[in-house]
């Protein structure tokens, strides 16, 4: 998914003169975006410098090396929620040393929305004038789900739009984006779909519903997706699949589309090797909550109703 975003962003920066061929593009990534930016830099003759998460595995490191990207992999951190903050701090240090580097700011610059217009057009053609479309995906930086919802809800020809586009965001526990920083996951925060720092690219007002899904529940989703559909995908996809199945059961008359952001290769040891631990999906269902203070593992669902970003810290307990 990130490839279409990175390619369009780099092309736009070149077309507008913000960067030139041969310049160095810099950003932080937990893995998928690093590969996408390296591909875009390779295509357009740019240099690529990545400050990478601990989740960047050996396979991805090799791919980045082949593409000519420079990778700084952060040292392991006892609290993975701090990983993003540490990476961004390192980006600022690099910019101080190399002020001519261009920081791509995947978390904050809406140039990363541009590439999803073509994907939205393909979705629109596939669903036609469907009675209702429910789009489900990990929130992460906000670009993929936010851009797709925005483009799908607006077109030059309104007759080509689905009648109703609902956006369902998927978050891990511990992420502050939608107010779940007070609920830790005993396993890990799912890389790429949550955040411990504010992201400027997340447009909270676009989301209708939120699902918070734990590592264990997402693992069950990933394993079931492979067993049932032969789709070998990452942990965020397992979480999205779980949420999408639930939304489909709630409203079978709607078309439900969920985003599978990456393959399962980097999750072989952490997820798929534990397939015997996976719960049956029939045993999993979300707890419906009206307030983030009532969030509880392993899975919670809340109607967001296109509300603005939450303000102030939250604590567990009743209102």
C-alpha atoms as a PDB file:
ATOM      1  CA  UNK A   1       0.000   0.000   0.000  1.00  0.00           C
ATOM      2  CA  UNK A   2       2.757   2.450   0.834  1.00  0.00           C
ATOM      3  CA  UNK A   3       4.347   2.090  -2.615  1.00  0.00           C
ATOM      4  CA  UNK A   4       1.592   4.047  -4.378  1.00  0.00           C
ATOM      5  CA  UNK A   5       1.856   6.749  -1.718  1.00  0.00           C
ATOM      6  CA  UNK A   6       5.649   7.096  -1.863  1.00  0.00           C
ATOM      7  CA  UNK A   7       5.835   7.053  -5.665  1.00  0.00           C
ATOM      8  CA  UNK A   8       3.213   9.785  -6.030  1.00  0.00           C
ATOM      9  CA  UNK A   9       4.758  11.885  -3.251  1.00  0.00           C
ATOM     10  CA  UNK A  10       8.273  11.786  -4.732  1.00  0.00           C
ATOM     11  CA  UNK A  11       6.972  12.480  -8.237  1.00  0.00           C
ATOM     12  CA  UNK A  12       5.014  15.482  -6.925  1.00  0.00           C
ATOM     13  CA  UNK A  13       8.066  16.846  -5.097  1.00  0.00           C
ATOM     14  CA  UNK A  14      10.147  16.567  -8.292  1.00  0.00           C
ATOM     15  CA  UNK A  15       7.439  18.127 -10.457  1.00  0.00           C
ATOM     16  CA  UNK A  16       7.053  21.094  -8.106  1.00  0.00           C
ATOM     17  CA  UNK A  17      10.809  21.627  -7.707  1.00  0.00           C
ATOM     18  CA  UNK A  18      10.822  20.892  -3.984  1.00  0.00           C
ATOM     19  CA  UNK A  19      13.593  18.327  -4.604  1.00  0.00           C
ATOM     20  CA  UNK A  20      15.921  17.466  -7.475  1.00  0.00           C
ATOM     21  CA  UNK A  21      17.234  14.181  -8.776  1.00  0.00           C
ATOM     22  CA  UNK A  22      20.226  13.131  -6.700  1.00  0.00           C
ATOM     23  CA  UNK A  23      18.893  14.688  -3.474  1.00  0.00           C
ATOM     24  CA  UNK A  24      18.584  12.598  -0.310  1.00  0.00           C
ATOM     25  CA  UNK A  25      15.120  11.819   1.001  1.00  0.00           C
ATOM     26  CA  UNK A  26      14.897  11.024   4.707  1.00  0.00           C
ATOM     27  CA  UNK A  27      12.225   9.467   6.880  1.00  0.00           C
ATOM     28  CA  UNK A  28      11.403   7.167   9.795  1.00  0.00           C
ATOM     29  CA  UNK A  29       9.672   3.833   9.265  1.00  0.00           C
ATOM     30  CA  UNK A  30       8.640   0.614  10.969  1.00  0.00           C
ATOM     31  CA  UNK A  31       9.215  -1.257   7.710  1.00  0.00           C
ATOM     32  CA  UNK A  32       6.638  -0.971   4.928  1.00  0.00           C
ATOM     33  CA  UNK A  33       7.217   2.701   4.175  1.00  0.00           C
ATOM     34  CA  UNK A  34      11.001   2.225   4.199  1.00  0.00           C
ATOM     35  CA  UNK A  35      10.724  -0.248   1.345  1.00  0.00           C
ATOM     36  CA  UNK A  36       8.234   1.941  -0.536  1.00  0.00           C
ATOM     37  CA  UNK A  37      10.414   5.046  -0.267  1.00  0.00           C
ATOM     38  CA  UNK A  38      13.492   3.075  -1.306  1.00  0.00           C
ATOM     39  CA  UNK A  39      11.616   1.880  -4.413  1.00  0.00           C
ATOM     40  CA  UNK A  40      10.526   5.440  -5.244  1.00  0.00           C
ATOM     41  CA  UNK A  41      14.041   6.812  -4.763  1.00  0.00           C
ATOM     42  CA  UNK A  42      15.476   4.054  -6.949  1.00  0.00           C
ATOM     43  CA  UNK A  43      12.983   4.846  -9.716  1.00  0.00           C
ATOM     44  CA  UNK A  44      13.541   8.590  -9.682  1.00  0.00           C
ATOM     45  CA  UNK A  45      17.301   8.712  -9.102  1.00  0.00           C
ATOM     46  CA  UNK A  46      17.224   9.891  -5.494  1.00  0.00           C
ATOM     47  CA  UNK A  47      19.181   8.858  -2.428  1.00  0.00           C
ATOM     48  CA  UNK A  48      17.244   7.307   0.460  1.00  0.00           C
ATOM     49  CA  UNK A  49      18.064   7.451   4.189  1.00  0.00           C
ATOM     50  CA  UNK A  50      15.829   5.520   6.597  1.00  0.00           C
ATOM     51  CA  UNK A  51      15.741   5.602  10.386  1.00  0.00           C
ATOM     52  CA  UNK A  52      14.277   2.171  10.978  1.00  0.00           C
ATOM     53  CA  UNK A  53      12.350   0.513  13.760  1.00  0.00           C
ATOM     54  CA  UNK A  54      13.455  -2.631  15.544  1.00  0.00           C
ATOM     55  CA  UNK A  55      10.774  -4.371  13.436  1.00  0.00           C
ATOM     56  CA  UNK A  56      12.897  -3.979  10.279  1.00  0.00           C
ATOM     57  CA  UNK A  57      13.961  -7.595   9.784  1.00  0.00           C
ATOM     58  CA  UNK A  58      16.837  -9.212   7.904  1.00  0.00           C
ATOM     59  CA  UNK A  59      14.849  -9.727   4.700  1.00  0.00           C
ATOM     60  CA  UNK A  60      13.852  -6.079   4.516  1.00  0.00           C
ATOM     61  CA  UNK A  61      17.359  -4.925   5.408  1.00  0.00           C
ATOM     62  CA  UNK A  62      18.677  -6.926   2.459  1.00  0.00           C
ATOM     63  CA  UNK A  63      16.081  -5.453   0.100  1.00  0.00           C
ATOM     64  CA  UNK A  64      16.925  -1.919   1.216  1.00  0.00           C
ATOM     65  CA  UNK A  65      20.639  -2.586   0.683  1.00  0.00           C
ATOM     66  CA  UNK A  66      20.029  -3.877  -2.845  1.00  0.00           C
ATOM     67  CA  UNK A  67      18.008  -0.742  -3.640  1.00  0.00           C
ATOM     68  CA  UNK A  68      20.873   1.440  -2.388  1.00  0.00           C
ATOM     69  CA  UNK A  69      19.101   2.858   0.648  1.00  0.00           C
ATOM     70  CA  UNK A  70      20.929   3.745   3.850  1.00  0.00           C
ATOM     71  CA  UNK A  71      19.334   2.232   6.938  1.00  0.00           C
ATOM     72  CA  UNK A  72      19.928   3.310  10.533  1.00  0.00           C
ATOM     73  CA  UNK A  73      18.257   0.670  12.671  1.00  0.00           C
ATOM     74  CA  UNK A  74      17.450   1.894  16.157  1.00  0.00           C
ATOM     75  CA  UNK A  75      18.673  -0.076  19.133  1.00  0.00           C
ATOM     76  CA  UNK A  76      16.060  -2.302  20.800  1.00  0.00           C
ATOM     77  CA  UNK A  77      13.793  -0.408  23.179  1.00  0.00           C
ATOM     78  CA  UNK A  78      12.204  -1.905  26.283  1.00  0.00           C
ATOM     79  CA  UNK A  79       8.982   0.001  25.514  1.00  0.00           C
ATOM     80  CA  UNK A  80       8.013  -0.315  21.841  1.00  0.00           C
ATOM     81  CA  UNK A  81       5.579   2.587  22.226  1.00  0.00           C
ATOM     82  CA  UNK A  82       8.617   4.855  22.530  1.00  0.00           C
ATOM     83  CA  UNK A  83      10.128   3.578  19.291  1.00  0.00           C
ATOM     84  CA  UNK A  84       8.438   6.162  17.044  1.00  0.00           C
ATOM     85  CA  UNK A  85       9.449   9.056  19.281  1.00  0.00           C
ATOM     86  CA  UNK A  86      13.085   7.947  19.344  1.00  0.00           C
ATOM     87  CA  UNK A  87      13.154   7.572  15.567  1.00  0.00           C
ATOM     88  CA  UNK A  88      11.749  11.059  14.984  1.00  0.00           C
ATOM     89  CA  UNK A  89      14.288  12.510  17.415  1.00  0.00           C
ATOM     90  CA  UNK A  90      17.044  10.854  15.371  1.00  0.00           C
ATOM     91  CA  UNK A  91      15.586  12.342  12.172  1.00  0.00           C
ATOM     92  CA  UNK A  92      15.945  15.823  13.689  1.00  0.00           C
ATOM     93  CA  UNK A  93      19.563  15.077  14.566  1.00  0.00           C
ATOM     94  CA  UNK A  94      20.288  14.005  10.984  1.00  0.00           C
ATOM     95  CA  UNK A  95      18.622  17.130   9.588  1.00  0.00           C
ATOM     96  CA  UNK A  96      20.806  19.290  11.827  1.00  0.00           C
ATOM     97  CA  UNK A  97      23.874  17.543  10.378  1.00  0.00           C
ATOM     98  CA  UNK A  98      22.565  17.517   6.787  1.00  0.00           C
ATOM     99  CA  UNK A  99      20.164  20.444   6.303  1.00  0.00           C
ATOM    100  CA  UNK A 100      19.816  19.762   2.560  1.00  0.00           C
ATOM    101  CA  UNK A 101      18.196  16.374   3.165  1.00  0.00           C
ATOM    102  CA  UNK A 102      14.459  16.420   2.517  1.00  0.00           C
ATOM    103  CA  UNK A 103      12.358  14.956   5.320  1.00  0.00           C
ATOM    104  CA  UNK A 104       9.375  13.156   3.775  1.00  0.00           C
ATOM    105  CA  UNK A 105       7.300  13.468   6.979  1.00  0.00           C
ATOM    106  CA  UNK A 106       5.041  10.511   6.208  1.00  0.00           C
ATOM    107  CA  UNK A 107       3.225  11.111   9.493  1.00  0.00           C
ATOM    108  CA  UNK A 108       2.438  14.776   8.867  1.00  0.00           C
ATOM    109  CA  UNK A 109       2.577  15.819   5.178  1.00  0.00           C
ATOM    110  CA  UNK A 110      -0.607  15.225   3.181  1.00  0.00           C
ATOM    111  CA  UNK A 111       1.470  14.839   0.012  1.00  0.00           C
ATOM    112  CA  UNK A 112       1.215  11.167   0.990  1.00  0.00           C
ATOM    113  CA  UNK A 113      -2.528  11.248   0.235  1.00  0.00           C
ATOM    114  CA  UNK A 114      -1.972  11.838  -3.505  1.00  0.00           C
ATOM    115  CA  UNK A 115      -1.156   8.288  -4.591  1.00  0.00           C
ATOM    116  CA  UNK A 116      -4.412   6.884  -3.257  1.00  0.00           C
ATOM    117  CA  UNK A 117      -6.586   8.787  -5.724  1.00  0.00           C
ATOM    118  CA  UNK A 118      -5.902   6.141  -8.384  1.00  0.00           C
ATOM    119  CA  UNK A 119      -6.739   3.365  -5.902  1.00  0.00           C
ATOM    120  CA  UNK A 120     -10.005   5.122  -5.016  1.00  0.00           C
ATOM    121  CA  UNK A 121     -10.872   5.297  -8.719  1.00  0.00           C
ATOM    122  CA  UNK A 122     -10.313   1.546  -9.065  1.00  0.00           C
ATOM    123  CA  UNK A 123     -12.474   0.854  -6.012  1.00  0.00           C
ATOM    124  CA  UNK A 124     -15.229   3.094  -7.391  1.00  0.00           C
ATOM    125  CA  UNK A 125     -15.188   1.219 -10.692  1.00  0.00           C
ATOM    126  CA  UNK A 126     -15.320  -2.139  -8.887  1.00  0.00           C
ATOM    127  CA  UNK A 127     -18.230  -1.339  -6.557  1.00  0.00           C
ATOM    128  CA  UNK A 128     -20.197   0.881  -8.940  1.00  0.00           C
ATOM    129  CA  UNK A 129     -23.298   2.374  -7.362  1.00  0.00           C
ATOM    130  CA  UNK A 130     -23.282   0.015  -4.383  1.00  0.00           C
ATOM    131  CA  UNK A 131     -25.915   0.739  -1.756  1.00  0.00           C
ATOM    132  CA  UNK A 132     -23.165   1.208   0.785  1.00  0.00           C
ATOM    133  CA  UNK A 133     -19.410   0.737   1.012  1.00  0.00           C
ATOM    134  CA  UNK A 134     -17.593   0.091   4.289  1.00  0.00           C
ATOM    135  CA  UNK A 135     -13.841   0.663   4.085  1.00  0.00           C
ATOM    136  CA  UNK A 136     -11.778  -0.979   6.855  1.00  0.00           C
ATOM    137  CA  UNK A 137      -8.070  -0.492   7.519  1.00  0.00           C
ATOM    138  CA  UNK A 138      -5.344   0.191  10.043  1.00  0.00           C
ATOM    139  CA  UNK A 139      -5.098   3.896  10.839  1.00  0.00           C
ATOM    140  CA  UNK A 140      -1.328   4.256  11.226  1.00  0.00           C
ATOM    141  CA  UNK A 141      -0.184   7.554   9.733  1.00  0.00           C
ATOM    142  CA  UNK A 142      -3.733   8.178   8.492  1.00  0.00           C
ATOM    143  CA  UNK A 143      -2.799   8.445   4.817  1.00  0.00           C
ATOM    144  CA  UNK A 144      -4.240   5.275   3.286  1.00  0.00           C
ATOM    145  CA  UNK A 145      -7.623   5.099   5.009  1.00  0.00           C
ATOM    146  CA  UNK A 146      -8.034   8.871   5.182  1.00  0.00           C
ATOM    147  CA  UNK A 147      -7.160   9.469   1.546  1.00  0.00           C
ATOM    148  CA  UNK A 148      -9.304   6.627   0.237  1.00  0.00           C
ATOM    149  CA  UNK A 149     -12.317   7.807   2.237  1.00  0.00           C
ATOM    150  CA  UNK A 150     -11.824  11.404   1.125  1.00  0.00           C
ATOM    151  CA  UNK A 151     -11.495  10.511  -2.563  1.00  0.00           C
ATOM    152  CA  UNK A 152     -14.355   8.005  -2.462  1.00  0.00           C
ATOM    153  CA  UNK A 153     -16.687  10.553  -0.875  1.00  0.00           C
ATOM    154  CA  UNK A 154     -15.980  13.184  -3.532  1.00  0.00           C
ATOM    155  CA  UNK A 155     -15.886  12.962  -7.322  1.00  0.00           C
ATOM    156  CA  UNK A 156     -16.459  15.161 -10.361  1.00  0.00           C
ATOM    157  CA  UNK A 157     -19.457  12.990 -11.215  1.00  0.00           C
ATOM    158  CA  UNK A 158     -21.558  12.233  -8.081  1.00  0.00           C
ATOM    159  CA  UNK A 159     -23.374   9.480  -9.966  1.00  0.00           C
ATOM    160  CA  UNK A 160     -20.149   7.470  -9.918  1.00  0.00           C
ATOM    161  CA  UNK A 161     -19.942   7.523  -6.145  1.00  0.00           C
ATOM    162  CA  UNK A 162     -21.034   4.703  -3.838  1.00  0.00           C
ATOM    163  CA  UNK A 163     -24.220   5.872  -2.135  1.00  0.00           C
ATOM    164  CA  UNK A 164     -22.656   5.828   1.339  1.00  0.00           C
ATOM    165  CA  UNK A 165     -19.007   5.402   2.337  1.00  0.00           C
ATOM    166  CA  UNK A 166     -18.361   4.430   5.944  1.00  0.00           C
ATOM    167  CA  UNK A 167     -14.768   4.454   7.241  1.00  0.00           C
ATOM    168  CA  UNK A 168     -13.745   1.965   9.939  1.00  0.00           C
ATOM    169  CA  UNK A 169     -10.316   2.475  11.513  1.00  0.00           C
ATOM    170  CA  UNK A 170      -8.325  -0.248  13.251  1.00  0.00           C
ATOM    171  CA  UNK A 171      -6.006   0.612  16.147  1.00  0.00           C
ATOM    172  CA  UNK A 172      -3.815  -1.319  18.587  1.00  0.00           C
ATOM    173  CA  UNK A 173      -4.153  -0.836  22.319  1.00  0.00           C
ATOM    174  CA  UNK A 174      -1.622   1.650  23.640  1.00  0.00           C
ATOM    175  CA  UNK A 175      -2.037   4.019  20.682  1.00  0.00           C
ATOM    176  CA  UNK A 176      -2.869   7.627  21.525  1.00  0.00           C
ATOM    177  CA  UNK A 177      -4.344   8.510  18.098  1.00  0.00           C
ATOM    178  CA  UNK A 178      -7.907   7.781  19.217  1.00  0.00           C
ATOM    179  CA  UNK A 179      -7.337   7.825  22.975  1.00  0.00           C
ATOM    180  CA  UNK A 180      -6.194   4.320  23.929  1.00  0.00           C
ATOM    181  CA  UNK A 181      -2.755   5.128  25.333  1.00  0.00           C
ATOM    182  CA  UNK A 182      -3.903   4.155  28.828  1.00  0.00           C
ATOM    183  CA  UNK A 183      -4.601   0.503  27.873  1.00  0.00           C
ATOM    184  CA  UNK A 184      -1.380  -1.484  27.370  1.00  0.00           C
ATOM    185  CA  UNK A 185      -1.154  -4.688  25.347  1.00  0.00           C
ATOM    186  CA  UNK A 186       0.932  -7.310  27.205  1.00  0.00           C
ATOM    187  CA  UNK A 187       2.343  -8.469  23.861  1.00  0.00           C
ATOM    188  CA  UNK A 188       3.297  -5.637  21.471  1.00  0.00           C
ATOM    189  CA  UNK A 189       1.808  -2.553  19.866  1.00  0.00           C
ATOM    190  CA  UNK A 190       1.117  -3.621  16.277  1.00  0.00           C
ATOM    191  CA  UNK A 191       3.713  -1.851  14.144  1.00  0.00           C
ATOM    192  CA  UNK A 192       2.385   0.560  11.565  1.00  0.00           C
ATOM    193  CA  UNK A 193      -1.242   1.016  12.662  1.00  0.00           C
ATOM    194  CA  UNK A 194      -0.864   2.842  15.986  1.00  0.00           C
ATOM    195  CA  UNK A 195       1.152   5.684  17.427  1.00  0.00           C
ATOM    196  CA  UNK A 196       2.679   6.969  20.629  1.00  0.00           C
ATOM    197  CA  UNK A 197       3.062  10.480  19.112  1.00  0.00           C
ATOM    198  CA  UNK A 198       0.480  12.751  17.406  1.00  0.00           C
ATOM    199  CA  UNK A 199       0.216  12.287  13.640  1.00  0.00           C
ATOM    200  CA  UNK A 200      -0.785  15.289  11.534  1.00  0.00           C
ATOM    201  CA  UNK A 201      -2.020  13.113   8.663  1.00  0.00           C
ATOM    202  CA  UNK A 202      -4.808  11.543  10.723  1.00  0.00           C
ATOM    203  CA  UNK A 203      -8.102  13.299   9.967  1.00  0.00           C
ATOM    204  CA  UNK A 204     -10.243  12.055  12.845  1.00  0.00           C
ATOM    205  CA  UNK A 205     -13.383  13.579  11.347  1.00  0.00           C
ATOM    206  CA  UNK A 206     -13.297  11.045   8.492  1.00  0.00           C
ATOM    207  CA  UNK A 207     -13.839   7.967  10.700  1.00  0.00           C
ATOM    208  CA  UNK A 208     -17.233   6.505  11.527  1.00  0.00           C
ATOM    209  CA  UNK A 209     -16.169   3.529  13.666  1.00  0.00           C
ATOM    210  CA  UNK A 210     -13.058   2.376  15.546  1.00  0.00           C
ATOM    211  CA  UNK A 211     -11.889  -1.124  16.442  1.00  0.00           C
ATOM    212  CA  UNK A 212      -9.104  -1.618  18.989  1.00  0.00           C
ATOM    213  CA  UNK A 213      -7.591  -5.071  18.496  1.00  0.00           C
ATOM    214  CA  UNK A 214      -4.928  -6.783  20.608  1.00  0.00           C
ATOM    215  CA  UNK A 215      -1.915  -8.688  19.343  1.00  0.00           C
ATOM    216  CA  UNK A 216      -3.520 -12.033  20.228  1.00  0.00           C
ATOM    217  CA  UNK A 217      -6.745 -11.241  18.367  1.00  0.00           C
ATOM    218  CA  UNK A 218      -4.841  -9.944  15.333  1.00  0.00           C
ATOM    219  CA  UNK A 219      -2.727 -13.116  15.371  1.00  0.00           C
ATOM    220  CA  UNK A 220      -5.930 -15.172  15.220  1.00  0.00           C
ATOM    221  CA  UNK A 221      -7.109 -13.065  12.283  1.00  0.00           C
ATOM    222  CA  UNK A 222      -3.848 -13.483  10.352  1.00  0.00           C
ATOM    223  CA  UNK A 223      -3.762 -17.247  10.876  1.00  0.00           C
ATOM    224  CA  UNK A 224      -7.430 -17.655   9.875  1.00  0.00           C
ATOM    225  CA  UNK A 225      -6.906 -15.538   6.761  1.00  0.00           C
ATOM    226  CA  UNK A 226      -4.117 -17.861   5.631  1.00  0.00           C
ATOM    227  CA  UNK A 227      -5.985 -21.067   6.520  1.00  0.00           C
ATOM    228  CA  UNK A 228      -9.333 -20.015   5.093  1.00  0.00           C
ATOM    229  CA  UNK A 229      -8.319 -17.871   2.110  1.00  0.00           C
ATOM    230  CA  UNK A 230      -4.616 -18.675   1.448  1.00  0.00           C
ATOM    231  CA  UNK A 231      -3.723 -15.007   1.962  1.00  0.00           C
ATOM    232  CA  UNK A 232      -0.321 -14.677   3.648  1.00  0.00           C
ATOM    233  CA  UNK A 233      -0.381 -11.166   5.093  1.00  0.00           C
ATOM    234  CA  UNK A 234       0.921  -9.105   7.994  1.00  0.00           C
ATOM    235  CA  UNK A 235      -0.417  -8.571  11.478  1.00  0.00           C
ATOM    236  CA  UNK A 236      -2.226  -5.326  10.651  1.00  0.00           C
ATOM    237  CA  UNK A 237      -4.048  -7.203   7.886  1.00  0.00           C
ATOM    238  CA  UNK A 238      -5.126  -9.859  10.387  1.00  0.00           C
ATOM    239  CA  UNK A 239      -6.588  -7.110  12.560  1.00  0.00           C
ATOM    240  CA  UNK A 240      -8.326  -5.500   9.574  1.00  0.00           C
ATOM    241  CA  UNK A 241      -9.719  -8.859   8.466  1.00  0.00           C
ATOM    242  CA  UNK A 242     -11.154  -9.451  11.935  1.00  0.00           C
ATOM    243  CA  UNK A 243     -12.839  -6.033  11.982  1.00  0.00           C
ATOM    244  CA  UNK A 244     -14.097  -6.402   8.404  1.00  0.00           C
ATOM    245  CA  UNK A 245     -15.723  -9.776   9.127  1.00  0.00           C
ATOM    246  CA  UNK A 246     -17.552  -8.238  12.072  1.00  0.00           C
ATOM    247  CA  UNK A 247     -18.743  -5.225  10.065  1.00  0.00           C
ATOM    248  CA  UNK A 248     -19.967  -7.564   7.317  1.00  0.00           C
ATOM    249  CA  UNK A 249     -21.944  -9.612   9.835  1.00  0.00           C
ATOM    250  CA  UNK A 250     -23.519  -6.440  11.274  1.00  0.00           C
ATOM    251  CA  UNK A 251     -24.593  -5.135   7.856  1.00  0.00           C
ATOM    252  CA  UNK A 252     -24.668  -7.924   5.248  1.00  0.00           C
ATOM    253  CA  UNK A 253     -26.307  -5.625   2.698  1.00  0.00           C
ATOM    254  CA  UNK A 254     -23.163  -3.466   2.491  1.00  0.00           C
ATOM    255  CA  UNK A 255     -19.993  -4.065   0.485  1.00  0.00           C
ATOM    256  CA  UNK A 256     -17.044  -4.341   2.886  1.00  0.00           C
ATOM    257  CA  UNK A 257     -13.499  -3.735   1.665  1.00  0.00           C
ATOM    258  CA  UNK A 258     -10.459  -4.031   3.917  1.00  0.00           C
ATOM    259  CA  UNK A 259      -6.852  -3.036   3.347  1.00  0.00           C
ATOM    260  CA  UNK A 260      -4.138  -5.693   3.345  1.00  0.00           C
ATOM    261  CA  UNK A 261      -1.095  -3.501   3.674  1.00  0.00           C
ATOM    262  CA  UNK A 262       1.790  -5.970   3.427  1.00  0.00           C
ATOM    263  CA  UNK A 263       2.823  -9.617   3.222  1.00  0.00           C
ATOM    264  CA  UNK A 264       3.394 -11.916   6.189  1.00  0.00           C
ATOM    265  CA  UNK A 265       7.111 -12.538   5.702  1.00  0.00           C
ATOM    266  CA  UNK A 266       8.352 -10.419   8.579  1.00  0.00           C
ATOM    267  CA  UNK A 267       5.815 -12.070  10.898  1.00  0.00           C
ATOM    268  CA  UNK A 268       6.879 -15.667  10.344  1.00  0.00           C
ATOM    269  CA  UNK A 269       8.570 -16.011  13.745  1.00  0.00           C
ATOM    270  CA  UNK A 270       6.400 -13.654  15.797  1.00  0.00           C
ATOM    271  CA  UNK A 271       2.970 -14.647  14.456  1.00  0.00           C
ATOM    272  CA  UNK A 272       2.822 -17.636  12.148  1.00  0.00           C
ATOM    273  CA  UNK A 273       5.169 -19.789  14.204  1.00  0.00           C
ATOM    274  CA  UNK A 274       2.592 -19.398  17.002  1.00  0.00           C
ATOM    275  CA  UNK A 275      -0.352 -20.582  14.889  1.00  0.00           C
ATOM    276  CA  UNK A 276      -1.293 -23.275  17.393  1.00  0.00           C
ATOM    277  CA  UNK A 277      -2.039 -20.519  19.921  1.00  0.00           C
ATOM    278  CA  UNK A 278      -4.528 -18.812  17.603  1.00  0.00           C
ATOM    279  CA  UNK A 279      -8.060 -18.542  18.969  1.00  0.00           C
ATOM    280  CA  UNK A 280     -10.964 -19.604  16.766  1.00  0.00           C
ATOM    281  CA  UNK A 281     -12.637 -16.547  15.263  1.00  0.00           C
ATOM    282  CA  UNK A 282     -16.004 -17.883  16.429  1.00  0.00           C
ATOM    283  CA  UNK A 283     -14.766 -17.315  19.989  1.00  0.00           C
ATOM    284  CA  UNK A 284     -13.871 -13.670  19.374  1.00  0.00           C
ATOM    285  CA  UNK A 285     -16.246 -10.718  19.387  1.00  0.00           C
ATOM    286  CA  UNK A 286     -15.754  -7.041  20.193  1.00  0.00           C
ATOM    287  CA  UNK A 287     -16.970  -5.391  23.354  1.00  0.00           C
ATOM    288  CA  UNK A 288     -19.109  -2.399  22.381  1.00  0.00           C
ATOM    289  CA  UNK A 289     -18.015   0.736  24.242  1.00  0.00           C
ATOM    290  CA  UNK A 290     -19.266   4.305  24.335  1.00  0.00           C
ATOM    291  CA  UNK A 291     -16.146   5.820  25.854  1.00  0.00           C
ATOM    292  CA  UNK A 292     -12.426   5.073  25.628  1.00  0.00           C
ATOM    293  CA  UNK A 293     -12.307   4.694  29.411  1.00  0.00           C
ATOM    294  CA  UNK A 294     -14.143   1.405  28.969  1.00  0.00           C
ATOM    295  CA  UNK A 295     -11.744  -0.079  26.455  1.00  0.00           C
ATOM    296  CA  UNK A 296     -10.672  -3.616  27.322  1.00  0.00           C
ATOM    297  CA  UNK A 297      -8.598  -6.316  25.673  1.00  0.00           C
ATOM    298  CA  UNK A 298      -8.737  -8.256  23.459  1.00  0.00           C
ATOM    299  CA  UNK A 299     -11.144  -6.334  21.200  1.00  0.00           C
ATOM    300  CA  UNK A 300     -13.295  -3.234  21.556  1.00  0.00           C
ATOM    301  CA  UNK A 301     -15.532  -1.397  19.110  1.00  0.00           C
ATOM    302  CA  UNK A 302     -16.784   2.168  19.332  1.00  0.00           C
ATOM    303  CA  UNK A 303     -18.911   4.437  17.140  1.00  0.00           C
ATOM    304  CA  UNK A 304     -16.681   7.423  16.437  1.00  0.00           C
ATOM    305  CA  UNK A 305     -19.264   9.340  14.371  1.00  0.00           C
ATOM    306  CA  UNK A 306     -16.688  11.527  12.616  1.00  0.00           C
ATOM    307  CA  UNK A 307     -15.768  13.314  15.831  1.00  0.00           C
ATOM    308  CA  UNK A 308     -12.638  15.467  16.198  1.00  0.00           C
ATOM    309  CA  UNK A 309      -9.423  14.262  17.797  1.00  0.00           C
ATOM    310  CA  UNK A 310      -9.620  13.360  21.505  1.00  0.00           C
ATOM    311  CA  UNK A 311      -8.174  15.882  23.930  1.00  0.00           C
ATOM    312  CA  UNK A 312      -6.457  15.290  27.253  1.00  0.00           C
ATOM    313  CA  UNK A 313      -5.188  12.078  28.821  1.00  0.00           C
ATOM    314  CA  UNK A 314      -7.599   9.261  29.605  1.00  0.00           C
ATOM    315  CA  UNK A 315      -7.626   6.793  32.454  1.00  0.00           C
ATOM    316  CA  UNK A 316      -9.401   3.453  32.716  1.00  0.00           C
ATOM    317  CA  UNK A 317     -12.680   3.297  34.630  1.00  0.00           C
ATOM    318  CA  UNK A 318     -16.245   4.495  34.349  1.00  0.00           C
ATOM    319  CA  UNK A 319     -17.246   8.085  33.686  1.00  0.00           C
END
